[in-house]
Each structure stands twice: as structure tokens, then as C-alpha cells.
């Protein structure tokens, strides 16, 4: 849990105000399944940074907190993704918003639905709750007991 607090502190001081946050959720590892369970949460940040500036700050925070990008979907201390940015649709080298796989990942949609259930996905024109209901990922997601 300390990783979440450290990440939120750094996001708050370097990116903008945290205006909402979900509970912490636990799910079996996704992608590379032979690793410990994942812990996930969603944070809403009010920022004046552009998406590219925000991504740079996020990568700096991940580095400060010890993230190493060795194995795709591999075990790591933390992974901060930009899921949405207002209602923008952005396609830049190294940055796609909305996150291109969020609709396929229950561990992302569940905490997002906690804080923004009626938000309309700008590409699919469906609410987050609708995307969660239609999500092909069947891994169980539970609120983390130690949160």
C-alpha cells in the first residue's frame, strides 16, 4: 500500500490535484500470469499539463519509485497509465488515449467504474459501467482486504 501513497504524493506534487480515487482492488495477474496478484486503483487528477507532459512526469515518477521496464507485463513495483484525458482521443508515438486496452481489462474498469460509472468513453460512446458489463476479461476483481 505504501507504493500507492508514494505515487499519489508524487502525482499530486508533480502533475496536479488528486480530485478522486477508487478503492484498491486485487486480481490475478493479467498477461504474464505466473506472478503475484495485481493491486490496482484509479486516480482522477486535475492537471494543466498536456498529455505528453503528463506522460513524461509519470515516467519520471515510476523511475523514482524503482520501476524497471524489463519484461512486458512482468512483475513491477508500479505501473501508472493514462486511461482518459478529458474527452480527448489522442494518438502519438508512445501515447494513445483513451488507453487502447482498458475496455478489455476488468482490473481497470472495476475501479474506474467506482469513481466514474457514467463517464462516456469518447471512442466507444458507452459508459464505463456498460464497458465493464461487456468486458471479455473474466478474471475476478475484489476490493483489497488491507486497504
N, C-alpha and C. Protein backbone atom coordinates (compact mmCIF):
# COMPACT_ATOMS: atom_id res chain seq x y z
N UNK A 1 0.82 -1.20 0.00
CA UNK A 1 0.00 0.00 0.00
C UNK A 1 0.86 1.27 0.00
N UNK A 2 2.08 1.13 0.50
CA UNK A 2 2.94 2.31 0.52
C UNK A 2 3.26 2.82 -0.88
N UNK A 3 3.29 1.93 -1.87
CA UNK A 3 3.55 2.35 -3.25
C UNK A 3 2.45 3.28 -3.75
N UNK A 4 1.21 2.95 -3.40
CA UNK A 4 0.11 3.80 -3.83
C UNK A 4 0.23 5.19 -3.21
N UNK A 5 0.54 5.25 -1.92
CA UNK A 5 0.65 6.55 -1.27
C UNK A 5 1.82 7.36 -1.83
N UNK A 6 2.94 6.70 -2.03
CA UNK A 6 4.10 7.41 -2.61
C UNK A 6 3.77 7.92 -4.01
N UNK A 7 3.13 7.09 -4.81
CA UNK A 7 2.77 7.50 -6.17
C UNK A 7 1.78 8.66 -6.14
N UNK A 8 0.79 8.60 -5.25
CA UNK A 8 -0.18 9.69 -5.16
C UNK A 8 0.48 10.98 -4.69
N UNK A 9 1.40 10.88 -3.75
CA UNK A 9 2.12 12.07 -3.29
C UNK A 9 2.89 12.72 -4.44
N UNK A 10 3.58 11.90 -5.22
CA UNK A 10 4.36 12.42 -6.35
C UNK A 10 3.46 12.94 -7.47
N UNK A 11 2.37 12.25 -7.73
CA UNK A 11 1.42 12.75 -8.74
C UNK A 11 0.86 14.10 -8.31
N UNK A 12 0.51 14.21 -7.05
CA UNK A 12 -0.04 15.44 -6.54
C UNK A 12 0.96 16.60 -6.62
N UNK A 13 2.21 16.33 -6.29
CA UNK A 13 3.20 17.41 -6.29
C UNK A 13 3.75 17.72 -7.68
N UNK A 14 3.69 16.78 -8.62
CA UNK A 14 4.29 16.98 -9.94
C UNK A 14 3.31 17.10 -11.10
N UNK A 15 2.08 16.64 -10.89
CA UNK A 15 1.14 16.58 -12.02
C UNK A 15 -0.12 17.42 -11.83
N UNK A 16 -0.64 17.47 -10.63
CA UNK A 16 -1.86 18.22 -10.38
C UNK A 16 -2.60 17.68 -9.18
N UNK A 17 -3.76 18.22 -8.93
CA UNK A 17 -4.55 17.85 -7.76
C UNK A 17 -5.27 16.53 -7.97
N UNK A 18 -5.20 15.68 -6.96
CA UNK A 18 -5.98 14.44 -6.99
C UNK A 18 -7.38 14.80 -6.52
N UNK A 19 -8.36 14.62 -7.41
CA UNK A 19 -9.73 15.01 -7.09
C UNK A 19 -10.62 13.82 -6.77
N UNK A 20 -10.17 12.63 -7.10
CA UNK A 20 -10.95 11.43 -6.78
C UNK A 20 -10.03 10.22 -6.87
N UNK A 21 -10.36 9.18 -6.11
CA UNK A 21 -9.59 7.94 -6.17
C UNK A 21 -10.50 6.79 -5.80
N UNK A 22 -10.22 5.66 -6.42
CA UNK A 22 -11.00 4.46 -6.14
C UNK A 22 -10.42 3.72 -4.94
N UNK A 23 -11.11 2.69 -4.54
CA UNK A 23 -10.55 1.73 -3.60
C UNK A 23 -9.43 0.99 -4.31
N UNK A 24 -8.67 0.20 -3.55
CA UNK A 24 -7.65 -0.67 -4.13
C UNK A 24 -8.30 -2.02 -4.40
N UNK A 25 -8.02 -2.58 -5.55
CA UNK A 25 -8.59 -3.85 -5.97
C UNK A 25 -7.48 -4.86 -6.24
N UNK A 26 -7.80 -6.12 -6.01
CA UNK A 26 -6.85 -7.21 -6.23
C UNK A 26 -7.42 -8.16 -7.27
N UNK A 27 -6.54 -8.61 -8.16
CA UNK A 27 -6.94 -9.58 -9.17
C UNK A 27 -5.74 -10.45 -9.52
N UNK A 28 -6.01 -11.60 -10.07
CA UNK A 28 -4.92 -12.45 -10.54
C UNK A 28 -4.15 -11.70 -11.62
N UNK A 29 -2.88 -12.01 -11.73
CA UNK A 29 -2.02 -11.36 -12.73
C UNK A 29 -2.62 -11.54 -14.12
N UNK A 30 -2.50 -10.51 -14.92
CA UNK A 30 -3.02 -10.48 -16.27
C UNK A 30 -1.86 -10.43 -17.24
N UNK A 31 -1.96 -11.11 -18.35
CA UNK A 31 -0.88 -11.11 -19.35
C UNK A 31 0.12 -12.20 -19.04
N UNK A 32 1.08 -11.91 -18.21
CA UNK A 32 2.06 -12.90 -17.74
C UNK A 32 1.54 -13.40 -16.39
N UNK A 33 0.89 -14.55 -16.39
CA UNK A 33 0.10 -14.99 -15.24
C UNK A 33 0.90 -15.69 -14.14
N UNK A 34 2.17 -15.97 -14.36
CA UNK A 34 2.98 -16.66 -13.37
C UNK A 34 3.71 -15.66 -12.47
N UNK A 35 2.94 -14.76 -11.88
CA UNK A 35 3.48 -13.75 -10.97
C UNK A 35 2.42 -13.44 -9.91
N UNK A 36 2.79 -12.71 -8.87
CA UNK A 36 1.81 -12.41 -7.81
C UNK A 36 0.61 -11.64 -8.35
N UNK A 37 -0.48 -11.65 -7.56
CA UNK A 37 -1.68 -10.90 -7.92
C UNK A 37 -1.36 -9.42 -8.11
N UNK A 38 -2.18 -8.77 -8.90
CA UNK A 38 -2.06 -7.33 -9.13
C UNK A 38 -2.89 -6.58 -8.09
N UNK A 39 -2.43 -5.41 -7.72
CA UNK A 39 -3.23 -4.45 -6.96
C UNK A 39 -3.41 -3.24 -7.86
N UNK A 40 -4.64 -2.75 -7.96
CA UNK A 40 -4.94 -1.65 -8.87
C UNK A 40 -5.86 -0.63 -8.22
N UNK A 41 -5.70 0.58 -8.65
CA UNK A 41 -6.64 1.64 -8.29
C UNK A 41 -6.64 2.65 -9.42
N UNK A 42 -7.66 3.50 -9.43
CA UNK A 42 -7.76 4.57 -10.42
C UNK A 42 -7.79 5.89 -9.66
N UNK A 43 -7.05 6.85 -10.19
CA UNK A 43 -6.95 8.17 -9.60
C UNK A 43 -7.34 9.19 -10.66
N UNK A 44 -8.17 10.14 -10.27
CA UNK A 44 -8.51 11.25 -11.15
C UNK A 44 -7.67 12.44 -10.74
N UNK A 45 -6.94 12.98 -11.69
CA UNK A 45 -6.05 14.11 -11.45
C UNK A 45 -6.50 15.29 -12.29
N UNK A 46 -6.61 16.45 -11.65
CA UNK A 46 -6.87 17.69 -12.39
C UNK A 46 -5.51 18.30 -12.68
N UNK A 47 -5.18 18.45 -13.96
CA UNK A 47 -3.85 18.90 -14.35
C UNK A 47 -3.92 19.99 -15.40
N UNK A 48 -2.87 20.80 -15.43
CA UNK A 48 -2.74 21.77 -16.52
C UNK A 48 -1.67 21.31 -17.51
N UNK A 49 -1.15 20.10 -17.32
CA UNK A 49 -0.13 19.55 -18.22
C UNK A 49 -0.79 18.97 -19.47
N UNK A 50 -0.08 19.06 -20.57
CA UNK A 50 -0.54 18.39 -21.78
C UNK A 50 -0.41 16.88 -21.58
N UNK A 51 -1.07 16.08 -22.39
CA UNK A 51 -0.89 14.63 -22.26
C UNK A 51 0.57 14.19 -22.36
N UNK A 52 1.32 14.78 -23.27
CA UNK A 52 2.74 14.41 -23.40
C UNK A 52 3.54 14.80 -22.17
N UNK A 53 3.29 15.99 -21.64
CA UNK A 53 3.96 16.42 -20.41
C UNK A 53 3.59 15.51 -19.25
N UNK A 54 2.32 15.14 -19.18
CA UNK A 54 1.84 14.26 -18.12
C UNK A 54 2.53 12.90 -18.21
N UNK A 55 2.64 12.36 -19.41
CA UNK A 55 3.31 11.07 -19.59
C UNK A 55 4.77 11.15 -19.15
N UNK A 56 5.45 12.22 -19.48
CA UNK A 56 6.84 12.39 -19.06
C UNK A 56 6.94 12.40 -17.53
N UNK A 57 6.06 13.15 -16.88
CA UNK A 57 6.06 13.19 -15.41
C UNK A 57 5.78 11.81 -14.82
N UNK A 58 4.84 11.09 -15.41
CA UNK A 58 4.50 9.74 -14.92
C UNK A 58 5.71 8.82 -15.05
N UNK A 59 6.40 8.86 -16.17
CA UNK A 59 7.59 8.02 -16.34
C UNK A 59 8.66 8.40 -15.32
N UNK A 60 8.81 9.69 -15.04
CA UNK A 60 9.76 10.12 -14.01
C UNK A 60 9.37 9.57 -12.64
N UNK A 61 8.09 9.62 -12.30
CA UNK A 61 7.61 9.10 -11.01
C UNK A 61 7.87 7.60 -10.93
N UNK A 62 7.56 6.87 -11.99
CA UNK A 62 7.81 5.43 -11.99
C UNK A 62 9.30 5.13 -11.77
N UNK A 63 10.16 5.90 -12.41
CA UNK A 63 11.61 5.70 -12.25
C UNK A 63 12.05 6.00 -10.82
N UNK A 64 11.58 7.12 -10.27
CA UNK A 64 11.91 7.48 -8.89
C UNK A 64 11.49 6.37 -7.92
N UNK A 65 10.37 5.73 -8.20
CA UNK A 65 9.85 4.68 -7.32
C UNK A 65 10.37 3.29 -7.70
N UNK A 66 11.37 3.22 -8.57
CA UNK A 66 12.07 1.96 -8.82
C UNK A 66 11.53 1.11 -9.94
N UNK A 67 10.68 1.63 -10.78
CA UNK A 67 10.15 0.84 -11.90
C UNK A 67 11.25 0.56 -12.91
N UNK A 68 11.32 -0.68 -13.32
CA UNK A 68 12.21 -1.08 -14.41
C UNK A 68 11.36 -1.75 -15.48
N UNK A 69 11.61 -1.42 -16.72
CA UNK A 69 10.82 -1.96 -17.83
C UNK A 69 11.62 -3.07 -18.50
N UNK A 70 11.61 -4.26 -17.85
CA UNK A 70 12.39 -5.38 -18.35
C UNK A 70 11.57 -6.37 -19.17
N UNK A 71 10.42 -6.77 -18.63
CA UNK A 71 9.60 -7.81 -19.25
C UNK A 71 8.20 -7.28 -19.46
N UNK A 72 7.68 -7.38 -20.70
CA UNK A 72 6.31 -6.93 -20.96
C UNK A 72 5.35 -7.70 -20.06
N UNK A 73 4.49 -6.95 -19.39
CA UNK A 73 3.52 -7.48 -18.43
C UNK A 73 4.18 -8.15 -17.23
N UNK A 74 5.46 -7.93 -17.05
CA UNK A 74 6.18 -8.56 -15.95
C UNK A 74 5.93 -7.87 -14.62
N UNK A 75 6.40 -8.53 -13.55
CA UNK A 75 6.24 -8.01 -12.21
C UNK A 75 6.97 -6.67 -12.07
N UNK A 76 6.32 -5.73 -11.39
CA UNK A 76 6.92 -4.40 -11.21
C UNK A 76 6.33 -3.76 -9.96
N UNK A 77 7.04 -2.76 -9.46
CA UNK A 77 6.56 -2.08 -8.27
C UNK A 77 5.27 -1.32 -8.55
N UNK A 78 5.21 -0.65 -9.69
CA UNK A 78 4.01 0.06 -10.07
C UNK A 78 4.01 0.34 -11.56
N UNK A 79 2.81 0.60 -12.06
CA UNK A 79 2.62 0.93 -13.47
C UNK A 79 1.52 1.98 -13.51
N UNK A 80 1.86 3.18 -13.90
CA UNK A 80 0.88 4.26 -13.95
C UNK A 80 0.52 4.48 -15.42
N UNK A 81 -0.76 4.36 -15.71
CA UNK A 81 -1.26 4.55 -17.07
C UNK A 81 -2.19 5.75 -17.12
N UNK A 82 -2.22 6.42 -18.25
CA UNK A 82 -3.22 7.44 -18.51
C UNK A 82 -4.36 6.74 -19.22
N UNK A 83 -5.48 6.60 -18.53
CA UNK A 83 -6.63 5.91 -19.13
C UNK A 83 -7.43 6.87 -20.02
N UNK A 84 -7.69 8.05 -19.50
CA UNK A 84 -8.51 9.04 -20.18
C UNK A 84 -7.91 10.42 -19.94
N UNK A 85 -8.20 11.34 -20.84
CA UNK A 85 -7.78 12.73 -20.68
C UNK A 85 -8.93 13.57 -21.22
N UNK A 86 -9.74 14.06 -20.27
CA UNK A 86 -10.99 14.74 -20.65
C UNK A 86 -11.77 13.83 -21.59
N UNK A 87 -12.20 14.36 -22.72
CA UNK A 87 -12.88 13.54 -23.72
C UNK A 87 -12.03 13.40 -24.97
N UNK A 88 -10.73 13.62 -24.82
CA UNK A 88 -9.82 13.64 -25.96
C UNK A 88 -9.51 12.25 -26.49
N UNK A 89 -9.30 12.18 -27.78
CA UNK A 89 -8.78 10.99 -28.44
C UNK A 89 -7.43 11.39 -29.01
N UNK A 90 -6.38 10.75 -28.51
CA UNK A 90 -5.01 11.15 -28.84
C UNK A 90 -4.24 9.94 -29.32
N UNK A 91 -3.54 10.10 -30.42
CA UNK A 91 -2.66 9.05 -30.93
C UNK A 91 -1.33 9.68 -31.28
N UNK A 92 -0.34 9.49 -30.40
CA UNK A 92 1.01 9.99 -30.58
C UNK A 92 1.98 8.81 -30.43
N UNK A 93 3.20 8.95 -30.91
CA UNK A 93 4.16 7.87 -30.66
C UNK A 93 4.33 7.65 -29.14
N UNK A 94 4.05 6.46 -28.69
CA UNK A 94 4.20 6.12 -27.28
C UNK A 94 3.05 6.54 -26.39
N UNK A 95 1.99 7.11 -26.95
CA UNK A 95 0.86 7.57 -26.14
C UNK A 95 -0.43 7.48 -26.93
N UNK A 96 -1.33 6.63 -26.44
CA UNK A 96 -2.67 6.51 -27.02
C UNK A 96 -3.68 6.73 -25.90
N UNK A 97 -4.57 7.69 -26.09
CA UNK A 97 -5.63 7.99 -25.13
C UNK A 97 -6.93 8.07 -25.90
N UNK A 98 -7.97 7.41 -25.42
CA UNK A 98 -8.07 6.56 -24.26
C UNK A 98 -7.12 5.36 -24.35
N UNK A 99 -6.78 4.83 -23.18
CA UNK A 99 -5.90 3.67 -23.15
C UNK A 99 -6.50 2.60 -24.07
N UNK A 100 -5.71 2.07 -25.00
CA UNK A 100 -6.28 1.20 -26.04
C UNK A 100 -6.81 -0.15 -25.55
N UNK A 101 -6.49 -0.57 -24.33
CA UNK A 101 -6.94 -1.88 -23.86
C UNK A 101 -7.83 -1.80 -22.63
N UNK A 102 -8.16 -0.61 -22.17
CA UNK A 102 -8.92 -0.51 -20.92
C UNK A 102 -10.26 -1.24 -20.99
N UNK A 103 -10.90 -1.25 -22.13
CA UNK A 103 -12.20 -1.90 -22.27
C UNK A 103 -12.09 -3.42 -22.17
N UNK A 104 -10.87 -3.95 -22.25
CA UNK A 104 -10.65 -5.39 -22.20
C UNK A 104 -10.10 -5.86 -20.85
N UNK A 105 -10.00 -4.97 -19.89
CA UNK A 105 -9.35 -5.30 -18.61
C UNK A 105 -10.27 -4.96 -17.44
N UNK A 106 -10.82 -6.00 -16.87
CA UNK A 106 -11.73 -5.83 -15.72
C UNK A 106 -11.02 -5.14 -14.56
N UNK A 107 -9.71 -5.42 -14.39
CA UNK A 107 -8.98 -4.82 -13.27
C UNK A 107 -8.82 -3.31 -13.44
N UNK A 108 -9.02 -2.81 -14.64
CA UNK A 108 -9.00 -1.36 -14.89
C UNK A 108 -10.42 -0.79 -14.80
N UNK A 109 -11.37 -1.47 -15.41
CA UNK A 109 -12.73 -0.96 -15.45
C UNK A 109 -13.41 -0.96 -14.09
N UNK A 110 -13.12 -1.94 -13.24
CA UNK A 110 -13.79 -2.02 -11.95
C UNK A 110 -13.49 -0.80 -11.08
N UNK A 111 -12.23 -0.45 -10.86
CA UNK A 111 -12.00 0.77 -10.07
C UNK A 111 -12.44 2.04 -10.78
N UNK A 112 -12.34 2.07 -12.10
CA UNK A 112 -12.79 3.24 -12.85
C UNK A 112 -14.30 3.41 -12.70
N UNK A 113 -15.04 2.30 -12.71
CA UNK A 113 -16.50 2.35 -12.55
C UNK A 113 -16.88 2.82 -11.15
N UNK A 114 -16.01 2.61 -10.18
CA UNK A 114 -16.30 3.08 -8.82
C UNK A 114 -16.34 4.61 -8.77
N UNK A 115 -15.45 5.27 -9.49
CA UNK A 115 -15.38 6.73 -9.41
C UNK A 115 -16.02 7.46 -10.58
N UNK A 116 -16.24 6.77 -11.69
CA UNK A 116 -16.82 7.43 -12.87
C UNK A 116 -17.72 6.49 -13.65
N UNK A 117 -18.75 5.93 -13.01
CA UNK A 117 -19.58 4.92 -13.69
C UNK A 117 -20.30 5.43 -14.93
N UNK A 118 -20.71 6.69 -14.93
CA UNK A 118 -21.50 7.24 -16.04
C UNK A 118 -20.64 7.95 -17.09
N UNK A 119 -19.32 7.98 -16.89
CA UNK A 119 -18.45 8.63 -17.86
C UNK A 119 -18.59 7.93 -19.21
N UNK A 120 -18.75 8.70 -20.26
CA UNK A 120 -18.91 8.15 -21.60
C UNK A 120 -17.53 8.04 -22.26
N UNK A 121 -17.16 6.82 -22.62
CA UNK A 121 -15.89 6.59 -23.31
C UNK A 121 -15.95 7.31 -24.65
N UNK A 122 -14.98 8.19 -24.93
CA UNK A 122 -15.07 9.02 -26.14
C UNK A 122 -14.95 8.26 -27.46
N UNK A 123 -14.41 7.07 -27.43
CA UNK A 123 -14.27 6.30 -28.68
C UNK A 123 -15.45 5.35 -28.88
N UNK A 124 -15.88 4.68 -27.79
CA UNK A 124 -16.94 3.67 -27.91
C UNK A 124 -18.33 4.21 -27.64
N UNK A 125 -18.41 5.44 -27.11
CA UNK A 125 -19.69 6.07 -26.80
C UNK A 125 -20.56 5.20 -25.88
N UNK A 126 -19.91 4.58 -24.90
CA UNK A 126 -20.58 3.77 -23.89
C UNK A 126 -20.08 4.22 -22.52
N UNK A 127 -20.92 4.02 -21.51
CA UNK A 127 -20.49 4.36 -20.16
C UNK A 127 -19.46 3.33 -19.68
N UNK A 128 -18.73 3.71 -18.65
CA UNK A 128 -17.77 2.78 -18.06
C UNK A 128 -18.50 1.56 -17.53
N UNK A 129 -19.68 1.74 -16.94
CA UNK A 129 -20.46 0.58 -16.47
C UNK A 129 -20.85 -0.34 -17.62
N UNK A 130 -21.23 0.23 -18.75
CA UNK A 130 -21.56 -0.60 -19.92
C UNK A 130 -20.32 -1.38 -20.38
N UNK A 131 -19.17 -0.71 -20.44
CA UNK A 131 -17.94 -1.40 -20.85
C UNK A 131 -17.58 -2.51 -19.86
N UNK A 132 -17.77 -2.26 -18.58
CA UNK A 132 -17.50 -3.29 -17.58
C UNK A 132 -18.44 -4.48 -17.76
N UNK A 133 -19.70 -4.20 -18.01
CA UNK A 133 -20.68 -5.28 -18.22
C UNK A 133 -20.35 -6.12 -19.45
N UNK A 134 -19.77 -5.50 -20.47
CA UNK A 134 -19.44 -6.18 -21.73
C UNK A 134 -18.00 -6.70 -21.77
N UNK A 135 -17.24 -6.46 -20.73
CA UNK A 135 -15.81 -6.78 -20.73
C UNK A 135 -15.57 -8.28 -20.94
N UNK A 136 -14.73 -8.63 -21.91
CA UNK A 136 -14.44 -10.05 -22.17
C UNK A 136 -13.54 -10.70 -21.11
N UNK A 137 -12.83 -9.90 -20.34
CA UNK A 137 -11.95 -10.40 -19.28
C UNK A 137 -12.81 -10.92 -18.14
N UNK A 138 -12.66 -12.18 -17.78
CA UNK A 138 -13.49 -12.78 -16.74
C UNK A 138 -12.74 -12.99 -15.42
N UNK A 139 -11.51 -12.43 -15.29
CA UNK A 139 -10.80 -12.53 -14.02
C UNK A 139 -11.59 -11.81 -12.93
N UNK A 140 -11.68 -12.44 -11.77
CA UNK A 140 -12.38 -11.82 -10.66
C UNK A 140 -11.56 -10.69 -10.07
N UNK A 141 -12.26 -9.62 -9.74
CA UNK A 141 -11.65 -8.43 -9.15
C UNK A 141 -12.32 -8.20 -7.80
N UNK A 142 -11.52 -8.09 -6.74
CA UNK A 142 -12.05 -7.92 -5.38
C UNK A 142 -11.41 -6.71 -4.73
N UNK A 143 -12.19 -6.01 -3.88
CA UNK A 143 -11.58 -4.96 -3.08
C UNK A 143 -10.51 -5.58 -2.22
N UNK A 144 -9.38 -4.93 -2.15
CA UNK A 144 -8.23 -5.43 -1.41
C UNK A 144 -8.52 -5.35 0.08
N UNK A 145 -8.32 -6.44 0.78
CA UNK A 145 -8.68 -6.56 2.19
C UNK A 145 -7.88 -5.63 3.09
N UNK A 146 -6.64 -5.31 2.75
CA UNK A 146 -5.79 -4.48 3.61
C UNK A 146 -5.92 -3.00 3.34
N UNK A 147 -6.82 -2.62 2.43
CA UNK A 147 -6.93 -1.19 2.07
C UNK A 147 -7.65 -0.41 3.14
